[in-house]
Amino acid sequence: MPDVLVDSRRKQLVTALERCGGRKVIDLAALLRVSRATVRRDLIDLERQGLVVRVRGGALPADTTAGDPRPSSVPPATRHAQTHVLGLIVPSATYYYPQVIDGVQAEAARRGARVVIGLSGYAHEHDAQRIDELHHSGASGLLIASAHGHGLASDTYARLAATGLPFALIERRPPNPFLPCEFAVTDHRQGVYAAIRHLAELGHDRVALFTNGSPTAALLRQGHSAAVRHLGLAPGVPVVDSGRPARGAAESAPHYDSFLDTCRDTGVRAALVHSDHDAIELLSRMASRGLRAPDDLALIAYDDEIAELADVPLTAVAPPKHAVGSQAAGLLLDRLEHAAHGTTPPPVRQVHLQPSLVIRASCGAHPSS
């Protein structure tokens, strides 16, 4: 009798490889939350079935090899003559970044390129390791969303430049704004402004902000400050950062309770909350006090990953994640194709994309149709 769990896991393995063109064992193990030994055993069986091809440290989907049973034996220069290989480094394949990855993969597939992914696990030291690994594996160019902060660390930028490969940043900017560095980013400050403007239009002149210590928090605080100033709203409202990006942890409850107490004491009845997980946890803490959104506190979440699934569906700022990935891949592929044909490269481009605001029940307005 077949093992349903094993079959399901192996289907996920094949899907993950097909989506990104190839992954390392360590990344697949992290993605599926199993041991590396389990992944290796699965890959051996999948290779016997002709569904994957194992290479050193990882695997490729079988249909990327064009009939070559061992793509690792093909020199990088030969592989590049057939297709560009984009090395993609992201902190996670579970929250926020799946849509970014899909955007990269969609643009790469449209233009006949292949994507190989490396996960940093939000560890800064892993950025350098992944850069070196992808460089030495024969990547044509690199796309990177570094582990920490929206400003790329100077040593990470230096490591990228030292490869001699073209690269573009995803949701990150260079350490020096005057560096000729291409990137595609979400303008998170614009997203915050749109949310606070919407709450102001609903009659709120005091809008609080709760963030969770993530790399995005600093940009959200900047956007909140600018929105309060430009919209003429009351200053001095609660702006709280829990310093705990781990979502749903019991240790976060006191931060939610303190935020609710401060909103009550200062007469604030509207708030922007990053992230969706924190907004959902905040709804739960409100319910334990007999409070409800939007009657007692109008809420807008930031990220729109699972906001719609909340007990009170959350109005949310939705960063254009898929488009960010697609745009970044396009920047890199344009540069690679010009280099391949010996034509004049395009000017350095830096793309800023604005988030959208998805209206649901938690802010007190009529939901979007």
Protein backbone atom coordinates (compact mmCIF):
# COMPACT_ATOMS: atom_id res chain seq x y z
CA MET A 1 0.00 0.00 0.00
CA PRO A 2 1.53 3.37 -0.99
CA ASP A 3 2.53 5.84 1.70
CA VAL A 4 0.32 8.88 1.09
CA LEU A 5 2.57 11.22 3.08
CA VAL A 6 5.67 10.15 1.17
CA ASP A 7 3.87 10.53 -2.18
CA SER A 8 2.66 14.00 -1.19
CA ARG A 9 6.13 15.09 -0.07
CA ARG A 10 7.72 13.85 -3.28
CA LYS A 11 5.15 15.68 -5.37
CA GLN A 12 6.07 18.83 -3.46
CA LEU A 13 9.74 18.16 -4.21
CA VAL A 14 9.10 17.85 -7.94
CA THR A 15 6.89 20.97 -7.92
CA ALA A 16 9.57 22.98 -6.08
CA LEU A 17 12.22 21.92 -8.59
CA GLU A 18 10.00 22.66 -11.59
CA ARG A 19 9.11 26.09 -10.22
CA CYS A 20 12.65 27.31 -9.77
CA GLY A 21 14.63 25.12 -12.15
CA GLY A 22 16.71 23.50 -9.42
CA ARG A 23 17.43 23.66 -5.70
CA LYS A 24 19.97 22.48 -3.16
CA VAL A 25 19.21 19.67 -0.74
CA ILE A 26 19.61 22.01 2.25
CA ASP A 27 17.00 24.39 0.80
CA LEU A 28 14.55 21.61 -0.05
CA ALA A 29 14.87 20.23 3.48
CA ALA A 30 14.10 23.65 4.94
CA LEU A 31 11.17 24.15 2.58
CA LEU A 32 9.56 20.79 3.43
CA ARG A 33 10.67 20.78 7.09
CA VAL A 34 12.28 17.35 6.86
CA SER A 35 15.85 16.12 7.25
CA ARG A 36 18.40 16.33 4.46
CA ALA A 37 18.68 12.55 4.55
CA THR A 38 14.95 12.27 3.81
CA VAL A 39 15.29 14.63 0.86
CA ARG A 40 18.27 12.68 -0.51
CA ARG A 41 16.34 9.39 -0.30
CA ASP A 42 13.36 10.96 -2.06
CA LEU A 43 15.57 12.37 -4.80
CA ILE A 44 17.16 8.98 -5.42
CA ASP A 45 13.75 7.39 -5.94
CA LEU A 46 12.49 10.30 -8.02
CA GLU A 47 15.56 10.07 -10.24
CA ARG A 48 14.87 6.36 -10.79
CA GLN A 49 11.41 7.36 -11.97
CA GLY A 50 12.92 9.86 -14.38
CA LEU A 51 11.29 12.85 -12.63
CA VAL A 52 14.45 14.63 -11.42
CA VAL A 53 18.17 14.66 -12.10
CA ARG A 54 20.49 14.78 -9.10
CA VAL A 55 23.49 17.08 -9.22
CA ARG A 56 26.11 17.80 -6.61
CA GLY A 57 24.38 19.22 -3.54
CA GLY A 58 20.91 19.31 -5.08
CA ALA A 59 18.71 18.38 -8.02
CA LEU A 60 17.15 19.66 -11.23
CA PRO A 61 13.77 18.87 -12.78
CA ALA A 62 14.19 16.25 -15.49
CA ASP A 63 12.77 18.44 -18.25
CA THR A 64 15.48 21.10 -17.87
CA THR A 65 18.24 18.77 -19.04
CA ALA A 66 17.20 18.51 -22.73
CA GLY A 67 18.01 14.82 -22.75
CA ASP A 68 21.39 15.11 -21.02
CA PRO A 69 21.35 12.54 -18.19
CA ARG A 70 23.97 14.42 -16.14
CA PRO A 71 23.73 18.19 -16.60
CA SER A 72 26.45 18.70 -13.99
CA SER A 73 28.92 17.23 -16.48
CA VAL A 74 28.20 19.98 -18.99
CA PRO A 75 30.63 22.92 -18.66
CA PRO A 76 28.94 26.16 -17.48
CA ALA A 77 29.89 27.97 -20.69
CA THR A 78 28.07 25.34 -22.75
CA ARG A 79 24.97 25.57 -20.61
CA HIS A 80 24.92 29.35 -20.86
CA ALA A 81 25.04 29.14 -24.65
CA GLN A 82 21.71 27.31 -24.46
CA THR A 83 19.97 29.44 -21.82
CA HIS A 84 20.65 32.04 -19.15
CA VAL A 85 20.70 30.72 -15.58
CA LEU A 86 19.47 33.16 -12.93
CA GLY A 87 20.79 32.54 -9.43
CA LEU A 88 18.10 33.70 -6.99
CA ILE A 89 18.78 34.28 -3.28
CA VAL A 90 15.85 34.95 -0.93
CA PRO A 91 15.50 34.72 2.87
CA SER A 92 12.49 32.39 2.81
CA ALA A 93 10.27 30.32 0.55
CA THR A 94 7.29 30.37 2.91
CA TYR A 95 6.19 33.94 3.77
CA TYR A 96 6.11 36.93 1.40
CA TYR A 97 8.65 35.49 -1.02
CA PRO A 98 6.68 32.69 -2.76
CA GLN A 99 4.95 35.26 -4.95
CA VAL A 100 8.27 37.02 -5.60
CA ILE A 101 9.77 33.68 -6.64
CA ASP A 102 6.80 33.01 -8.91
CA GLY A 103 7.33 36.41 -10.55
CA VAL A 104 11.00 35.68 -11.20
CA GLN A 105 10.19 32.24 -12.57
CA ALA A 106 7.39 33.52 -14.80
CA GLU A 107 9.62 36.14 -16.44
CA ALA A 108 12.49 33.68 -16.77
CA ALA A 109 10.22 31.08 -18.41
CA ARG A 110 8.79 33.68 -20.77
CA ARG A 111 12.30 34.51 -21.97
CA GLY A 112 13.72 30.99 -22.05
CA ALA A 113 15.87 31.28 -18.91
CA ARG A 114 16.22 28.98 -15.94
CA VAL A 115 16.18 29.83 -12.22
CA VAL A 116 18.24 28.19 -9.45
CA ILE A 117 17.39 29.23 -5.91
CA GLY A 118 19.33 29.56 -2.65
CA LEU A 119 17.73 30.30 0.73
CA SER A 120 19.54 32.40 3.32
CA GLY A 121 17.17 31.65 6.18
CA TYR A 122 17.41 35.30 7.34
CA ALA A 123 21.05 34.69 8.32
CA HIS A 124 23.40 37.40 7.05
CA GLU A 125 26.40 35.05 6.85
CA HIS A 126 24.45 32.78 4.52
CA ASP A 127 24.15 35.53 1.90
CA ALA A 128 27.86 35.27 1.09
CA GLN A 129 27.71 31.46 1.03
CA ARG A 130 24.78 31.43 -1.38
CA ILE A 131 26.42 34.05 -3.63
CA ASP A 132 29.59 31.95 -3.87
CA GLU A 133 27.65 28.72 -4.44
CA LEU A 134 25.55 30.13 -7.26
CA HIS A 135 28.55 31.84 -8.82
CA HIS A 136 30.61 28.65 -8.86
CA SER A 137 27.67 26.55 -10.07
CA GLY A 138 27.64 28.53 -13.32
CA ALA A 139 24.90 31.13 -12.85
CA SER A 140 24.79 33.76 -15.61
CA GLY A 141 23.67 36.49 -13.21
CA LEU A 142 22.34 36.94 -9.68
CA LEU A 143 19.14 38.21 -8.09
CA ILE A 144 19.23 38.81 -4.34
CA ALA A 145 16.95 39.77 -1.50
CA SER A 146 19.47 39.83 1.34
CA ALA A 147 18.77 38.43 4.78
CA HIS A 148 18.45 41.66 6.79
CA GLY A 149 17.24 45.15 6.09
CA HIS A 150 16.07 46.93 2.96
CA GLY A 151 19.51 48.45 2.53
CA LEU A 152 21.98 45.88 1.26
CA ALA A 153 24.97 45.42 3.59
CA SER A 154 28.24 46.81 2.22
CA ASP A 155 30.02 43.46 2.49
CA THR A 156 27.21 41.71 0.62
CA TYR A 157 27.37 44.30 -2.16
CA ALA A 158 31.15 43.84 -2.35
CA ARG A 159 30.70 40.07 -2.55
CA LEU A 160 28.24 40.45 -5.43
CA ALA A 161 30.53 42.84 -7.29
CA ALA A 162 33.51 40.51 -6.81
CA THR A 163 31.78 37.73 -8.75
CA GLY A 164 32.00 39.79 -11.94
CA LEU A 165 28.43 38.71 -12.75
CA PRO A 166 25.62 41.13 -13.52
CA PHE A 167 23.12 41.31 -10.66
CA ALA A 168 19.93 43.02 -9.55
CA LEU A 169 18.45 43.50 -6.08
CA ILE A 170 14.93 42.47 -5.05
CA GLU A 171 13.21 44.51 -2.32
CA ARG A 172 16.64 45.89 -1.42
CA ARG A 173 18.62 49.03 -2.25
CA PRO A 174 22.41 49.40 -2.46
CA PRO A 175 24.32 50.57 0.64
CA ASN A 176 25.24 53.77 -1.17
CA PRO A 177 22.33 55.37 -3.09
CA PHE A 178 24.76 56.66 -5.75
CA LEU A 179 26.05 53.22 -6.72
CA PRO A 180 25.03 52.21 -10.27
CA CYS A 181 22.97 49.29 -9.02
CA GLU A 182 19.74 47.96 -10.51
CA PHE A 183 16.84 46.97 -8.28
CA ALA A 184 13.09 46.45 -8.12
CA VAL A 185 11.41 47.37 -4.83
CA THR A 186 8.02 47.96 -3.27
CA ASP A 187 7.55 51.55 -2.17
CA HIS A 188 6.37 50.64 1.33
CA ARG A 189 6.11 54.28 2.36
CA GLN A 190 3.52 54.80 -0.36
CA GLY A 191 1.65 51.75 0.91
CA VAL A 192 1.49 53.17 4.43
CA TYR A 193 0.37 56.54 3.09
CA ALA A 194 -2.49 54.95 1.14
CA ALA A 195 -3.69 53.07 4.22
CA ILE A 196 -3.61 56.09 6.53
CA ARG A 197 -5.24 58.32 3.93
CA HIS A 198 -8.07 55.79 3.66
CA LEU A 199 -8.56 55.77 7.42
CA ALA A 200 -8.50 59.57 7.45
CA GLU A 201 -11.20 59.62 4.76
CA LEU A 202 -13.29 57.39 7.07
CA GLY A 203 -13.08 60.11 9.75
CA HIS A 204 -10.07 59.03 11.83
CA ASP A 205 -7.70 61.84 12.76
CA ARG A 206 -5.49 59.64 14.94
CA VAL A 207 -3.96 56.50 13.40
CA ALA A 208 -1.55 54.29 15.35
CA LEU A 209 1.13 51.98 13.97
CA PHE A 210 2.22 48.52 15.18
CA THR A 211 5.22 46.75 13.62
CA ASN A 212 6.97 43.50 14.48
CA GLY A 213 10.69 44.16 14.16
CA SER A 214 10.92 42.98 10.55
CA PRO A 215 13.25 44.59 7.97
CA THR A 216 10.22 46.50 6.63
CA ALA A 217 9.45 48.19 9.96
CA ALA A 218 11.73 51.20 9.48
CA LEU A 219 10.17 52.06 6.12
CA LEU A 220 6.68 51.73 7.58
CA ARG A 221 7.58 54.15 10.37
CA GLN A 222 8.89 56.64 7.81
CA GLY A 223 5.70 56.34 5.78
CA HIS A 224 3.53 56.73 8.88
CA SER A 225 5.36 59.88 9.99
CA ALA A 226 5.09 61.40 6.52
CA ALA A 227 1.41 60.53 6.18
CA VAL A 228 0.52 62.04 9.58
CA ARG A 229 2.39 65.23 8.63
CA HIS A 230 1.09 65.60 5.06
CA LEU A 231 -2.51 64.69 5.91
CA GLY A 232 -2.60 67.02 8.90
CA LEU A 233 -3.48 64.28 11.39
CA ALA A 234 -2.92 64.46 15.12
CA PRO A 235 0.69 63.69 16.13
CA GLY A 236 1.78 61.79 19.22
CA VAL A 237 -0.16 58.59 18.45
CA PRO A 238 1.18 55.18 19.49
CA VAL A 239 3.98 53.91 17.24
CA VAL A 240 5.05 50.54 18.64
CA ASP A 241 7.55 47.95 17.45
CA SER A 242 7.43 44.62 19.26
CA GLY A 243 10.94 43.71 18.15
CA ARG A 244 9.66 40.16 17.63
CA PRO A 245 9.30 39.14 13.98
CA ALA A 246 8.49 35.57 15.11
CA ARG A 247 4.74 35.42 14.46
CA GLY A 248 2.13 34.13 16.88
CA ALA A 249 4.59 33.60 19.76
CA ALA A 250 3.05 33.70 23.24
CA GLU A 251 5.73 36.19 24.27
CA SER A 252 4.18 38.70 21.86
CA ALA A 253 0.87 38.89 23.76
CA PRO A 254 2.08 41.58 26.21
CA HIS A 255 3.08 43.76 23.25
CA TYR A 256 -0.42 43.48 21.77
CA ASP A 257 -2.04 44.20 25.13
CA SER A 258 0.20 47.20 25.77
CA PHE A 259 -0.60 48.56 22.30
CA LEU A 260 -4.34 48.22 22.89
CA ASP A 261 -4.01 49.91 26.31
CA THR A 262 -2.10 52.81 24.78
CA CYS A 263 -4.64 53.23 21.97
CA ARG A 264 -7.44 53.32 24.55
CA ASP A 265 -5.63 55.81 26.78
CA THR A 266 -4.84 58.17 23.88
CA GLY A 267 -8.25 57.98 22.21
CA VAL A 268 -6.96 56.21 19.09
CA ARG A 269 -9.56 54.17 17.22
CA ALA A 270 -7.66 53.20 14.05
CA ALA A 271 -4.37 51.40 13.45
CA LEU A 272 -2.14 50.00 10.76
CA VAL A 273 -0.58 46.67 11.78
CA HIS A 274 2.36 44.84 10.24
CA SER A 275 2.10 41.95 9.57
CA ASP A 276 -1.09 39.98 8.77
CA HIS A 277 -0.15 37.52 11.52
CA ASP A 278 0.17 40.32 14.05
CA ALA A 279 -3.12 41.88 12.97
CA ILE A 280 -4.87 38.52 13.42
CA GLU A 281 -3.28 38.06 16.84
CA LEU A 282 -4.35 41.59 17.74
CA LEU A 283 -7.94 40.76 16.73
CA SER A 284 -7.79 37.80 19.10
CA ARG A 285 -6.55 39.96 21.97
CA MET A 286 -9.32 42.46 21.22
CA ALA A 287 -11.93 39.71 21.34
CA SER A 288 -10.67 38.60 24.76
CA ARG A 289 -11.46 42.14 25.97
CA GLY A 290 -14.89 42.26 24.36
CA LEU A 291 -13.64 44.57 21.60
CA ARG A 292 -14.25 44.20 17.88
CA ALA A 293 -13.02 45.69 14.62
CA PRO A 294 -13.98 48.12 13.21
CA ASP A 295 -16.39 49.33 15.91
CA ASP A 296 -13.82 49.71 18.67
CA LEU A 297 -10.61 49.81 16.63
CA ALA A 298 -10.49 50.01 12.84
CA LEU A 299 -7.62 47.91 11.50
CA ILE A 300 -5.60 47.69 8.31
CA ALA A 301 -3.02 44.91 7.98
CA TYR A 302 0.19 45.14 5.99
CA ASP A 303 1.28 42.32 3.62
CA ASP A 304 -2.04 40.71 2.55
CA GLU A 305 -0.78 37.15 2.79
CA ILE A 306 -3.60 35.75 4.92
CA ALA A 307 -5.53 38.93 5.85
CA GLU A 308 -8.70 37.77 4.12
CA LEU A 309 -8.85 34.67 6.36
CA ALA A 310 -9.15 36.60 9.63
CA ASP A 311 -12.32 36.27 11.73
CA VAL A 312 -13.06 39.84 10.65
CA PRO A 313 -11.59 39.93 7.10
CA LEU A 314 -8.80 42.46 7.25
CA THR A 315 -8.41 45.40 4.94
CA ALA A 316 -4.79 45.15 3.85
CA VAL A 317 -1.95 46.83 2.01
CA ALA A 318 -0.83 44.38 -0.68
CA PRO A 319 2.75 44.79 -1.94
CA PRO A 320 3.06 43.82 -5.64
CA LYS A 321 5.26 40.81 -4.86
CA HIS A 322 4.83 38.95 -8.15
CA ALA A 323 5.51 42.12 -10.14
CA VAL A 324 8.62 42.91 -8.08
CA GLY A 325 10.06 39.48 -8.89
CA SER A 326 9.13 39.78 -12.56
CA GLN A 327 10.61 43.28 -12.89
CA ALA A 328 13.88 42.30 -11.19
CA ALA A 329 14.26 39.28 -13.44
CA GLY A 330 13.56 41.47 -16.46
CA LEU A 331 16.27 43.95 -15.47
CA LEU A 332 18.84 41.18 -15.18
CA LEU A 333 17.80 39.35 -18.35
CA ASP A 334 17.93 42.57 -20.39
CA ARG A 335 21.52 43.08 -19.29
CA LEU A 336 22.46 39.45 -19.97
CA GLU A 337 20.92 39.49 -23.43
CA HIS A 338 22.68 42.71 -24.42
CA ALA A 339 25.97 41.21 -23.24
CA ALA A 340 25.32 38.00 -25.19
CA HIS A 341 24.68 39.94 -28.41
CA GLY A 342 27.44 42.50 -27.88
CA THR A 343 24.99 45.42 -28.02
CA THR A 344 25.00 48.59 -25.93
CA PRO A 345 23.54 47.82 -22.50
CA PRO A 346 20.54 49.79 -21.23
CA PRO A 347 21.01 52.55 -18.66
CA VAL A 348 20.93 51.51 -15.03
CA ARG A 349 17.29 51.22 -13.97
CA GLN A 350 15.78 51.35 -10.50
CA VAL A 351 12.12 50.35 -10.31
CA HIS A 352 9.74 51.44 -7.53
CA LEU A 353 6.31 49.76 -7.46
CA GLN A 354 3.37 50.99 -5.39
CA PRO A 355 1.30 48.60 -3.27
CA SER A 356 -2.47 48.39 -3.58
CA LEU A 357 -5.07 48.70 -0.83
CA VAL A 358 -7.61 45.87 -0.62
CA ILE A 359 -10.74 46.98 1.24
CA ARG A 360 -12.43 44.45 3.53
CA ALA A 361 -14.52 44.60 6.71
CA SER A 362 -11.98 45.51 9.39
CA CYS A 363 -11.68 49.21 8.58
CA GLY A 364 -15.40 50.02 8.44
CA ALA A 365 -15.67 50.70 4.71
CA HIS A 366 -17.60 48.66 2.15
CA PRO A 367 -15.43 45.74 0.91
CA SER A 368 -13.97 45.93 -2.58
CA SER A 369 -16.12 44.20 -5.17
